Amino acid sequence: MKTTILHQNKNIQIDLSQPLDISIPLTSDGQNPIAWYQQIPEITPVKMGDWIGKVSEGKSSTNFNNIFFNPHAHGTHTECLGHITHDFYSINKFLKRFFFTAELISVVPELIGEDLVITKRQLATALFNKTPEAIVIRTLPNGENKKHLNYSNTNPPYLSEEAAVFVREMGVLHLLIDLPSVDKEHDEGKLLAHKAFWNIKNIYQLNSEARFECTITEMIYVDNTILDGHYMLNLQIASFENDASPSKPVLYKIM
């Protein structure tokens, strides 16, 4: 179903019948991706006495599950600056618009010392003066194992501080990446890329230039059949009053 939406005073045509989902589903088996030293998520039926909330067990007319998970550790999630601040800020309060122009780029992180790093030069080359509201970074190689990896203690690739500053100064509002974090796994709590993107100088007293409306989405998966280029992004979250929420970013080709 083709439709035309008015975005930033421009008419943009997309096909709503052709969504490109770049989220990773949450599962309670060994196939779920994991980060930050957590166990797999739990999705289990409620038990009260001899009653169990599972139709197939024959004791309930409904399936009635509890779910235990961590949004940062268990799949695609979107976070606001409250992820790293002393005071509480909620993603549900600050993400109030859900459609954005987006550029999908693919990069091979560079080996710098013992780390694989996404650099400013790589982003500048891939974006080539484009100024989208969101950028979606697919790292190469792009195996389907990204949907199932346990990233804990593996030192995954990350974004350099200089690259995060570049993205911020471009005016990018939303940064999406197929890694568990934009920062190095073991970085002594510096969180240089997070702070640079949100323009945070002091986590205890935020400066006036801090970017409350901007988000970082991590642990996406962009299938190899989706080509680099310009898209419309629908960034969907659950309405959690928390620094982060599980999310479902969806791309639409611009006609």
Protein backbone atom coordinates (compact mmCIF):
# COMPACT_ATOMS: atom_id res chain seq x y z
CA MET A 1 0.00 0.00 0.00
CA LYS A 2 1.74 3.13 -1.22
CA THR A 3 1.16 6.26 0.82
CA THR A 4 2.47 9.81 0.83
CA ILE A 5 3.47 11.36 4.13
CA LEU A 6 4.27 15.00 4.84
CA HIS A 7 7.67 15.11 6.50
CA GLN A 8 9.59 18.33 7.17
CA ASN A 9 7.28 20.14 4.72
CA LYS A 10 8.10 17.60 1.99
CA ASN A 11 5.89 14.90 0.50
CA ILE A 12 7.57 11.50 0.76
CA GLN A 13 6.07 8.38 -0.78
CA ILE A 14 6.61 5.01 0.90
CA ASP A 15 5.04 1.59 0.55
CA LEU A 16 3.58 0.54 3.91
CA SER A 17 3.09 -3.00 2.64
CA GLN A 18 6.88 -3.49 2.32
CA PRO A 19 8.35 -2.98 5.82
CA LEU A 20 11.99 -3.88 6.45
CA ASP A 21 12.20 -4.91 10.09
CA ILE A 22 15.72 -4.46 11.49
CA SER A 23 14.97 -5.58 15.05
CA ILE A 24 15.96 -8.85 16.71
CA PRO A 25 13.09 -10.71 18.42
CA LEU A 26 13.26 -11.59 22.12
CA THR A 27 13.25 -15.33 22.82
CA SER A 28 13.69 -17.47 25.91
CA ASP A 29 15.95 -20.04 24.33
CA GLY A 30 19.65 -20.27 23.63
CA GLN A 31 19.18 -18.43 20.32
CA ASN A 32 18.68 -15.03 21.93
CA PRO A 33 21.60 -12.56 21.68
CA ILE A 34 23.12 -11.68 25.05
CA ALA A 35 25.42 -8.95 26.31
CA TRP A 36 26.73 -7.53 29.57
CA TYR A 37 27.18 -10.87 31.35
CA GLN A 38 23.47 -11.63 31.69
CA GLN A 39 21.66 -14.95 31.33
CA ILE A 40 19.04 -15.65 28.66
CA PRO A 41 15.63 -13.95 29.03
CA GLU A 42 12.85 -15.85 30.77
CA ILE A 43 9.36 -16.24 29.30
CA THR A 44 7.45 -18.57 31.59
CA PRO A 45 3.78 -19.21 32.45
CA VAL A 46 2.47 -17.91 35.76
CA LYS A 47 2.03 -20.59 38.41
CA MET A 48 -0.32 -20.21 41.36
CA GLY A 49 -0.73 -23.37 43.38
CA ASP A 50 -1.62 -26.14 40.95
CA TRP A 51 -2.82 -23.63 38.34
CA ILE A 52 -0.51 -22.85 35.43
CA GLY A 53 -1.13 -20.13 32.83
CA LYS A 54 -0.64 -22.30 29.80
CA VAL A 55 -3.50 -23.61 27.66
CA SER A 56 -1.56 -26.68 26.54
CA GLU A 57 -1.20 -27.76 30.17
CA GLY A 58 -4.99 -28.07 30.38
CA LYS A 59 -5.41 -25.90 33.46
CA SER A 60 -5.97 -22.48 31.90
CA SER A 61 -8.16 -20.92 29.24
CA THR A 62 -5.40 -18.42 28.43
CA ASN A 63 -1.66 -18.27 27.98
CA PHE A 64 -0.45 -16.00 30.77
CA ASN A 65 3.32 -15.47 30.81
CA ASN A 66 5.75 -13.51 32.91
CA ILE A 67 8.73 -12.08 31.03
CA PHE A 68 12.07 -11.24 32.65
CA PHE A 69 14.67 -9.49 30.52
CA ASN A 70 17.09 -6.58 30.39
CA PRO A 71 16.55 -4.20 27.46
CA HIS A 72 20.27 -3.38 27.19
CA ALA A 73 21.41 -7.00 27.27
CA HIS A 74 18.75 -8.98 25.44
CA GLY A 75 18.17 -7.58 21.98
CA THR A 76 17.21 -4.50 20.02
CA HIS A 77 16.66 -1.54 22.31
CA THR A 78 16.49 2.24 22.11
CA GLU A 79 17.94 4.42 24.84
CA CYS A 80 17.90 8.09 25.77
CA LEU A 81 20.59 10.06 27.59
CA GLY A 82 19.10 8.83 30.88
CA HIS A 83 21.14 5.69 30.28
CA ILE A 84 24.26 7.44 31.58
CA THR A 85 23.00 10.35 33.74
CA HIS A 86 22.80 10.71 37.51
CA ASP A 87 19.19 11.93 37.33
CA PHE A 88 16.40 9.82 35.83
CA TYR A 89 15.25 10.50 32.27
CA SER A 90 12.79 8.29 30.43
CA ILE A 91 12.89 7.23 26.79
CA ASN A 92 9.09 7.35 26.83
CA LYS A 93 9.16 11.05 27.70
CA PHE A 94 11.70 12.16 25.12
CA LEU A 95 10.98 10.06 22.02
CA LYS A 96 7.76 11.69 20.84
CA ARG A 97 8.16 11.52 17.06
CA PHE A 98 8.53 8.20 15.30
CA PHE A 99 9.23 8.75 11.58
CA PHE A 100 12.63 9.99 10.40
CA THR A 101 14.68 10.13 7.24
CA ALA A 102 17.49 7.60 7.57
CA GLU A 103 20.63 6.59 5.75
CA LEU A 104 21.76 2.95 5.91
CA ILE A 105 25.52 2.54 5.60
CA SER A 106 27.81 -0.49 5.81
CA VAL A 107 31.31 -0.26 7.28
CA VAL A 108 34.19 -2.62 8.05
CA PRO A 109 35.55 -1.55 11.45
CA GLU A 110 39.25 -0.71 11.38
CA LEU A 111 41.79 -2.59 13.48
CA ILE A 112 43.35 -0.06 15.85
CA GLY A 113 45.65 -1.74 18.34
CA GLU A 114 43.64 -4.70 19.63
CA ASP A 115 40.25 -3.11 18.90
CA LEU A 116 37.94 -2.93 15.90
CA VAL A 117 36.78 0.67 15.63
CA ILE A 118 34.32 2.58 13.45
CA THR A 119 36.06 5.85 12.62
CA LYS A 120 35.02 9.34 11.62
CA ARG A 121 36.71 8.89 8.25
CA GLN A 122 34.63 5.82 7.50
CA LEU A 123 31.36 7.55 8.38
CA ALA A 124 32.25 10.68 6.41
CA THR A 125 33.07 8.57 3.36
CA ALA A 126 29.91 6.47 3.59
CA LEU A 127 27.58 9.40 4.19
CA PHE A 128 29.22 11.64 1.57
CA ASN A 129 27.66 14.91 2.77
CA LYS A 130 24.19 13.42 3.30
CA THR A 131 22.38 14.83 6.34
CA PRO A 132 19.67 12.37 7.42
CA GLU A 133 17.85 12.57 10.74
CA ALA A 134 18.98 9.01 11.53
CA ILE A 135 21.87 6.81 10.50
CA VAL A 136 21.77 3.02 10.53
CA ILE A 137 25.21 1.40 10.75
CA ARG A 138 25.64 -2.17 9.53
CA THR A 139 29.06 -3.61 10.36
CA LEU A 140 30.77 -6.05 8.03
CA PRO A 141 31.06 -8.99 7.92
CA ASN A 142 27.32 -9.33 8.50
CA GLY A 143 26.61 -12.94 9.37
CA GLU A 144 23.25 -14.07 10.72
CA ASN A 145 25.07 -15.19 13.87
CA LYS A 146 24.68 -11.57 15.06
CA LYS A 147 21.11 -12.55 15.95
CA HIS A 148 22.35 -15.19 18.38
CA LEU A 149 25.76 -14.08 19.71
CA ASN A 150 26.80 -13.88 23.33
CA TYR A 151 28.85 -10.67 23.26
CA SER A 152 30.02 -10.80 26.87
CA ASN A 153 33.80 -10.54 27.20
CA THR A 154 34.37 -10.55 23.42
CA ASN A 155 35.47 -6.91 22.97
CA PRO A 156 33.04 -6.17 20.09
CA PRO A 157 33.68 -3.31 17.65
CA TYR A 158 32.64 0.16 18.76
CA LEU A 159 32.37 3.77 17.64
CA SER A 160 35.27 6.15 18.20
CA GLU A 161 34.63 9.33 20.17
CA GLU A 162 35.61 11.37 17.12
CA ALA A 163 33.05 9.50 15.01
CA ALA A 164 30.32 10.17 17.58
CA VAL A 165 31.19 13.88 17.60
CA PHE A 166 31.01 13.90 13.81
CA VAL A 167 27.54 12.32 13.87
CA ARG A 168 26.36 14.85 16.44
CA GLU A 169 27.75 17.82 14.55
CA MET A 170 26.01 16.56 11.39
CA GLY A 171 22.76 16.99 13.26
CA VAL A 172 21.87 13.28 13.35
CA LEU A 173 19.13 12.75 15.92
CA HIS A 174 19.03 8.96 16.04
CA LEU A 175 21.94 6.55 15.82
CA LEU A 176 21.26 2.86 15.15
CA ILE A 177 23.95 0.18 15.19
CA ASP A 178 24.17 -3.62 15.05
CA LEU A 179 26.47 -3.90 18.08
CA PRO A 180 25.70 -4.20 21.82
CA SER A 181 27.09 -0.73 22.46
CA VAL A 182 28.52 2.30 20.68
CA ASP A 183 31.31 2.19 23.28
CA LYS A 184 34.09 -0.26 24.06
CA GLU A 185 33.02 -3.14 26.32
CA HIS A 186 35.70 -2.52 28.96
CA ASP A 187 36.39 1.23 28.94
CA GLU A 188 36.63 2.04 32.68
CA GLY A 189 33.21 3.68 32.54
CA LYS A 190 34.32 6.47 30.22
CA LEU A 191 31.45 5.99 27.71
CA LEU A 192 33.10 8.44 25.34
CA ALA A 193 30.84 7.80 22.33
CA HIS A 194 27.63 7.94 24.36
CA LYS A 195 28.68 11.23 25.94
CA ALA A 196 29.86 12.70 22.65
CA PHE A 197 26.65 11.82 20.81
CA TRP A 198 24.39 13.21 23.54
CA ASN A 199 26.78 16.14 24.14
CA ILE A 200 27.04 15.43 27.85
CA LYS A 201 29.83 17.18 29.72
CA ASN A 202 28.75 16.30 33.25
CA ILE A 203 26.47 13.39 34.15
CA TYR A 204 25.50 15.03 37.46
CA GLN A 205 24.46 18.43 36.09
CA LEU A 206 23.54 18.38 32.42
CA ASN A 207 24.73 21.25 30.27
CA SER A 208 22.18 23.22 28.25
CA GLU A 209 23.47 21.68 25.01
CA ALA A 210 22.70 18.10 26.10
CA ARG A 211 20.58 16.41 23.42
CA PHE A 212 17.50 15.15 25.26
CA GLU A 213 15.56 14.37 22.09
CA CYS A 214 18.24 12.11 20.59
CA THR A 215 18.43 8.33 20.89
CA ILE A 216 20.82 5.44 20.41
CA THR A 217 19.49 2.08 19.24
CA GLU A 218 21.75 -0.94 19.66
CA MET A 219 21.70 -4.63 18.70
CA ILE A 220 19.77 -4.26 15.46
CA TYR A 221 20.23 -6.67 12.58
CA VAL A 222 20.09 -5.46 8.97
CA ASP A 223 19.71 -8.33 6.54
CA ASN A 224 22.15 -8.45 3.62
CA THR A 225 19.23 -8.18 1.20
CA ILE A 226 18.60 -4.61 2.40
CA LEU A 227 20.75 -2.27 0.32
CA ASP A 228 22.63 0.75 1.60
CA GLY A 229 20.81 3.98 0.87
CA HIS A 230 18.05 6.38 1.85
CA TYR A 231 14.99 5.19 3.79
CA MET A 232 12.19 6.33 6.02
CA LEU A 233 12.65 4.98 9.54
CA ASN A 234 9.77 4.14 11.86
CA LEU A 235 11.31 3.89 15.34
CA GLN A 236 8.87 2.08 17.63
CA ILE A 237 9.30 1.56 21.38
CA ALA A 238 7.25 0.07 24.19
CA SER A 239 5.94 2.69 26.61
CA PHE A 240 8.32 1.95 29.46
CA GLU A 241 9.20 4.75 31.86
CA ASN A 242 12.85 3.73 31.80
CA ASP A 243 16.10 4.95 30.29
CA ALA A 244 15.68 2.33 27.56
CA SER A 245 12.98 0.24 25.94
CA PRO A 246 12.95 -2.80 23.69
CA SER A 247 12.31 -1.42 20.24
CA LYS A 248 11.28 -2.30 16.71
CA PRO A 249 12.95 -0.06 14.12
CA VAL A 250 11.43 -0.55 10.67
CA LEU A 251 12.76 0.86 7.40
CA TYR A 252 10.65 1.77 4.36
CA LYS A 253 12.05 2.36 0.91
CA ILE A 254 11.39 5.85 -0.39
CA MET A 255 9.64 5.62 -3.74
